[in-house]
Protein backbone atom coordinates (compact mmCIF):
# COMPACT_ATOMS: atom_id res chain seq x y z
CA MET A 1 14.23 33.13 25.56
CA GLN A 2 11.75 30.29 23.47
CA GLN A 3 13.48 29.51 19.90
CA VAL A 4 10.33 29.86 17.52
CA PHE A 5 12.59 29.19 14.36
CA LYS A 6 15.33 26.37 13.70
CA LYS A 7 16.83 24.20 10.93
CA PRO A 8 14.42 21.20 10.08
CA VAL A 9 16.20 18.17 11.49
CA SER A 10 15.79 16.70 7.71
CA LEU A 11 18.28 19.21 6.52
CA LYS A 12 21.96 18.59 6.96
CA ASP A 13 23.82 21.90 8.62
CA VAL A 14 25.99 22.66 5.50
CA GLN A 15 26.24 25.79 3.94
CA THR A 16 24.32 26.00 0.61
CA HIS A 17 26.31 26.03 -2.96
CA PHE A 18 23.02 27.37 -4.98
CA CYS A 19 23.31 31.04 -6.74
CA PRO A 20 22.51 34.07 -4.35
CA GLY A 21 18.60 34.67 -5.02
CA CYS A 22 17.71 30.78 -6.23
CA HIS A 23 14.60 29.29 -5.01
CA HIS A 24 16.18 25.57 -4.42
CA GLY A 25 17.26 26.52 -0.83
CA THR A 26 13.47 27.42 0.31
CA PHE A 27 11.85 24.43 -1.41
CA HIS A 28 14.48 22.50 0.22
CA ARG A 29 13.56 23.84 3.44
CA LEU A 30 9.69 22.89 2.92
CA VAL A 31 10.63 19.57 2.05
CA ALA A 32 12.66 18.91 4.99
CA GLU A 33 9.91 20.57 7.36
CA ALA A 34 7.21 18.26 5.85
CA MET A 35 9.47 14.93 6.44
CA ASP A 36 9.94 16.46 10.09
CA GLU A 37 5.83 16.84 10.62
CA PHE A 38 5.27 13.50 9.41
CA GLY A 39 7.97 11.78 11.02
CA VAL A 40 9.25 10.10 8.03
CA GLN A 41 13.05 10.98 7.67
CA LYS A 42 14.19 7.72 9.07
CA LYS A 43 12.29 5.68 5.98
CA THR A 44 12.42 8.21 3.47
CA ILE A 45 14.38 7.64 0.03
CA GLY A 46 14.90 10.68 -1.88
CA VAL A 47 15.32 10.28 -5.87
CA ALA A 48 17.50 12.85 -7.49
CA SER A 49 18.18 13.27 -11.29
CA VAL A 50 20.57 15.66 -13.51
CA GLY A 51 21.03 19.05 -13.11
CA CYS A 52 20.46 21.45 -9.79
CA SER A 53 18.54 18.80 -8.31
CA VAL A 54 21.96 16.27 -8.56
CA PHE A 55 22.89 17.33 -5.10
CA LEU A 56 19.64 16.38 -3.26
CA TYR A 57 22.27 14.29 -1.32
CA GLY A 58 24.62 16.81 -0.01
CA TYR A 59 21.71 18.72 2.01
CA PHE A 60 18.97 16.33 2.99
CA ASP A 61 20.06 13.75 5.73
CA ILE A 62 18.26 10.82 4.13
CA ASP A 63 19.22 7.96 1.88
CA VAL A 64 19.32 9.25 -2.00
CA VAL A 65 19.22 7.34 -4.94
CA GLU A 66 20.64 9.15 -8.13
CA ALA A 67 19.00 8.39 -11.13
CA PRO A 68 20.30 9.18 -15.36
CA HIS A 69 18.81 12.15 -16.64
CA GLY A 70 15.10 12.22 -16.48
CA ARG A 71 14.87 9.00 -15.45
CA ALA A 72 14.02 9.44 -11.74
CA PRO A 73 10.38 8.52 -11.69
CA ALA A 74 11.12 5.35 -13.18
CA VAL A 75 13.91 4.85 -10.58
CA ALA A 76 11.29 5.80 -7.49
CA THR A 77 9.16 3.56 -8.96
CA GLY A 78 11.45 0.47 -8.33
CA VAL A 79 12.65 1.65 -5.26
CA LYS A 80 8.97 2.12 -3.75
CA ARG A 81 7.98 -1.38 -5.40
CA ALA A 82 10.87 -3.15 -4.01
CA ARG A 83 10.56 -0.80 -0.15
CA PRO A 84 6.47 -0.53 -0.05
CA ASP A 85 7.44 0.65 3.41
CA ALA A 86 9.54 3.68 2.44
CA PHE A 87 8.86 7.11 1.86
CA VAL A 88 9.67 8.16 -1.86
CA PHE A 89 9.99 11.08 -3.88
CA THR A 90 11.57 12.70 -6.47
CA TYR A 91 13.25 15.87 -6.67
CA GLN A 92 13.58 17.17 -10.43
CA GLY A 93 13.98 20.40 -12.84
CA ASP A 94 12.07 21.34 -15.75
CA GLY A 95 14.72 20.45 -18.05
CA ASP A 96 15.07 16.91 -16.70
CA LEU A 97 11.32 16.18 -16.23
CA ALA A 98 9.45 18.13 -18.79
CA ALA A 99 11.93 16.69 -21.40
CA ILE A 100 14.01 13.82 -21.63
CA GLY A 101 12.17 12.52 -18.39
CA THR A 102 8.53 12.76 -20.02
CA SER A 103 7.73 9.69 -21.01
CA GLU A 104 8.79 8.64 -17.33
CA ILE A 105 6.67 10.97 -15.45
CA ILE A 106 3.59 10.76 -17.71
CA HIS A 107 3.71 6.92 -17.06
CA ALA A 108 4.77 6.76 -13.66
CA ALA A 109 1.44 9.19 -13.09
CA ASN A 110 -0.71 7.46 -15.13
CA ARG A 111 -0.21 4.15 -13.11
CA GLY A 112 -0.68 6.06 -10.10
CA GLU A 113 2.53 5.00 -8.46
CA ASP A 114 2.57 5.75 -4.44
CA ILE A 115 5.39 8.34 -4.96
CA THR A 116 5.30 12.38 -4.41
CA VAL A 117 7.15 14.22 -7.04
CA ILE A 118 8.65 17.82 -6.54
CA PHE A 119 9.33 19.45 -10.04
CA VAL A 120 11.24 22.71 -9.72
CA ASN A 121 10.50 25.15 -12.85
CA ASN A 122 12.87 27.39 -13.49
CA THR A 123 12.10 27.80 -17.30
CA THR A 124 15.58 27.02 -18.50
CA TYR A 125 18.29 24.23 -18.15
CA GLY A 126 19.98 25.78 -15.02
CA MET A 127 22.70 23.81 -14.37
CA THR A 128 23.88 22.39 -17.73
CA GLY A 129 24.20 25.96 -19.76
CA GLY A 130 21.22 27.68 -19.75
CA GLN A 131 19.30 26.11 -22.79
CA MET A 132 15.70 26.46 -23.72
CA ALA A 133 13.68 24.11 -21.62
CA PRO A 134 10.32 22.72 -22.44
CA THR A 135 8.81 25.46 -19.74
CA THR A 136 10.84 28.43 -21.58
CA LEU A 137 8.59 31.43 -21.76
CA VAL A 138 7.56 32.84 -25.24
CA GLY A 139 9.96 35.63 -25.89
CA GLN A 140 12.79 34.24 -23.23
CA ARG A 141 16.05 34.38 -24.16
CA THR A 142 18.50 31.49 -23.43
CA SER A 143 22.04 30.19 -24.92
CA THR A 144 19.81 28.09 -27.41
CA SER A 145 17.19 30.72 -28.14
CA PRO A 146 19.24 33.87 -28.24
CA TYR A 147 16.43 35.73 -29.64
CA GLY A 148 13.90 34.73 -27.67
CA ARG A 149 11.75 31.42 -27.91
CA LYS A 150 9.02 31.60 -30.84
CA ASN A 151 6.00 30.02 -30.36
CA GLU A 152 5.54 29.20 -34.18
CA LYS A 153 8.83 27.43 -34.27
CA ASP A 154 9.36 26.16 -30.73
CA GLY A 155 5.84 25.51 -29.75
CA SER A 156 4.12 27.01 -25.95
CA PRO A 157 5.81 26.57 -22.90
CA ILE A 158 4.01 22.96 -21.05
CA ARG A 159 2.14 23.49 -18.05
CA MET A 160 2.99 20.01 -16.42
CA ALA A 161 0.74 20.25 -13.37
CA GLU A 162 -2.25 20.88 -15.51
CA LEU A 163 -1.07 18.21 -18.11
CA LEU A 164 -0.64 15.52 -15.36
CA ALA A 165 -3.83 16.39 -13.66
CA GLN A 166 -6.21 14.56 -16.58
CA LEU A 167 -4.60 11.46 -15.81
CA GLU A 168 -6.62 8.88 -13.83
CA GLY A 169 -3.47 7.74 -11.90
CA VAL A 170 -3.12 11.13 -10.29
CA ALA A 171 -4.35 11.73 -6.96
CA PHE A 172 -2.83 15.29 -6.35
CA SER A 173 -1.61 18.12 -8.74
CA ALA A 174 -0.78 21.48 -7.45
CA ARG A 175 2.04 24.64 -8.83
CA VAL A 176 3.33 26.73 -6.14
CA ALA A 177 6.11 29.62 -5.98
CA VAL A 178 7.56 31.07 -2.68
CA ASN A 179 8.44 34.59 -4.44
CA ASN A 180 6.24 36.47 -1.22
CA PRO A 181 5.25 35.53 2.27
CA LYS A 182 1.77 34.41 1.03
CA ASN A 183 3.06 32.02 -1.63
CA LEU A 184 5.65 30.71 0.39
CA MET A 185 3.09 29.41 3.36
CA ASP A 186 0.54 28.27 0.62
CA ALA A 187 3.40 26.24 -0.76
CA LYS A 188 4.30 24.88 2.26
CA ARG A 189 0.74 23.71 2.79
CA GLN A 190 0.32 21.92 -0.65
CA ILE A 191 3.90 20.19 -0.12
CA LYS A 192 2.25 19.02 3.22
CA LYS A 193 -0.79 17.58 1.33
CA ALA A 194 1.42 15.71 -1.54
CA PHE A 195 3.42 14.44 1.31
CA ARG A 196 -0.20 13.27 3.42
CA TYR A 197 -1.05 11.49 0.25
CA GLN A 198 1.96 9.09 0.32
CA ALA A 199 1.66 8.76 4.08
CA GLU A 200 -1.90 7.59 4.02
CA GLY A 201 -1.55 5.70 0.79
CA LYS A 202 -3.74 7.74 -1.38
CA GLY A 203 -1.25 7.38 -4.86
CA PHE A 204 0.26 9.70 -6.99
CA SER A 205 1.19 13.43 -5.93
CA PHE A 206 2.91 16.33 -7.75
CA ILE A 207 3.95 19.81 -7.16
CA GLU A 208 5.68 22.17 -9.51
CA ALA A 209 7.37 24.82 -7.71
CA LEU A 210 8.06 27.98 -9.65
CA SER A 211 11.73 28.94 -8.99
CA SER A 212 13.53 31.57 -10.09
CA CYS A 213 17.15 31.35 -11.74
CA PRO A 214 19.27 34.70 -11.43
CA THR A 215 22.58 33.44 -12.91
CA ASN A 216 21.10 31.99 -16.09
CA TRP A 217 17.99 34.78 -16.75
CA GLY A 218 21.11 37.51 -16.69
CA MET A 219 19.12 39.28 -13.48
CA ASP A 220 19.95 40.00 -9.88
CA ALA A 221 18.32 38.19 -7.29
CA LEU A 222 15.47 40.77 -6.41
CA ALA A 223 14.51 41.35 -10.19
CA ALA A 224 14.47 37.69 -10.50
CA ASN A 225 12.20 36.93 -7.66
CA GLU A 226 9.83 39.56 -8.93
CA ARG A 227 9.86 37.98 -12.34
CA VAL A 228 8.40 34.91 -11.03
CA GLY A 229 5.35 36.62 -9.31
CA THR A 230 4.59 38.76 -12.74
CA GLU A 231 6.12 36.61 -15.47
CA MET A 232 5.74 33.11 -14.31
CA CYS A 233 2.72 33.39 -12.52
CA ALA A 234 1.00 34.99 -15.57
CA TYR A 235 1.64 31.97 -17.42
CA PHE A 236 1.96 29.19 -14.91
CA PRO A 237 -1.58 29.95 -12.67
CA LEU A 238 -0.84 29.11 -9.16
CA GLY A 239 -3.17 26.75 -7.63
CA VAL A 240 -4.71 23.24 -7.02
CA PHE A 241 -5.68 21.24 -10.38
CA LYS A 242 -6.39 17.65 -8.81
CA ASN A 243 -7.19 16.86 -5.15
CA THR A 244 -9.27 13.48 -5.02
CA ALA A 245 -9.09 13.15 -1.68
CA GLN A 246 -10.06 17.17 -0.88
CA LEU A 247 -7.03 17.27 2.17
C-alpha cells in the first residue's frame, strides 16, 4: 500500500503536550513541512521566546535558541549575522511579540533582517495566566479584563501583519489560519512563501497565524475552532499584505 501521509522529517516523534483543540501543533507541522521541502533542516536555527512557543525545542529536530521574553527577533538577528549561511526563524505568541517584544519585531522588520517570523495570535497570554494581550478582541474576557476589553480604555487590538507591512524592510507579510481545510492549505502555501523569501535571500518575512486557545477562552475545541473562523477572522482578515517579489 502506498503511503500518502507521514510525519515531517523535521519534527521529532513525540506526543504533544498542547491543550486539546490548540492550533500550535498544526502550525508546527506546516513549518516542518516547509523545512523539509526546502531541505534546510540541518542548517536551521529556531529562536523561541516565553510562552507556549518556549517548547519549540521539544518538537522540532533542529537547533533552538531560547530568547528572553519578547527578544526573539533581536536574538535571531544576532544568530543570522553570525551564521549567515543558517536558516533562522522565530516562533512567537501575541503576548510575546506584540507586547513586550514590540520594539524588537518592529526594528528587526524595519532593518530587513533576513529571517522568518512565525507569529501565533490566539488573542491572549496563553501560557502565563490568560491575561489580556495587545490582540485581545474588544469585549473578550480574560483574567485581567473580566468584564471584557474596552476600546475606550484599552485601545483597539493591534493588527501586526498590516502594521509591519508598512515598513520598507519587510519583503513578505501575511495572515493565515487553520480552522478549516481551505484555510489550512492556504496557510501551507503562505508559510512556504515566507520560507522561500529567506532561502533566496529576499529579506524579512512574516506570518501571522490565527490560533485557538480553548483553555483560556473557556470553550471546548469545536467552539474555539469556530471562533477563529468567525470573530477572529472578522477583525483579523486573512490574506497577503505585502509581497515584494510576488512569489
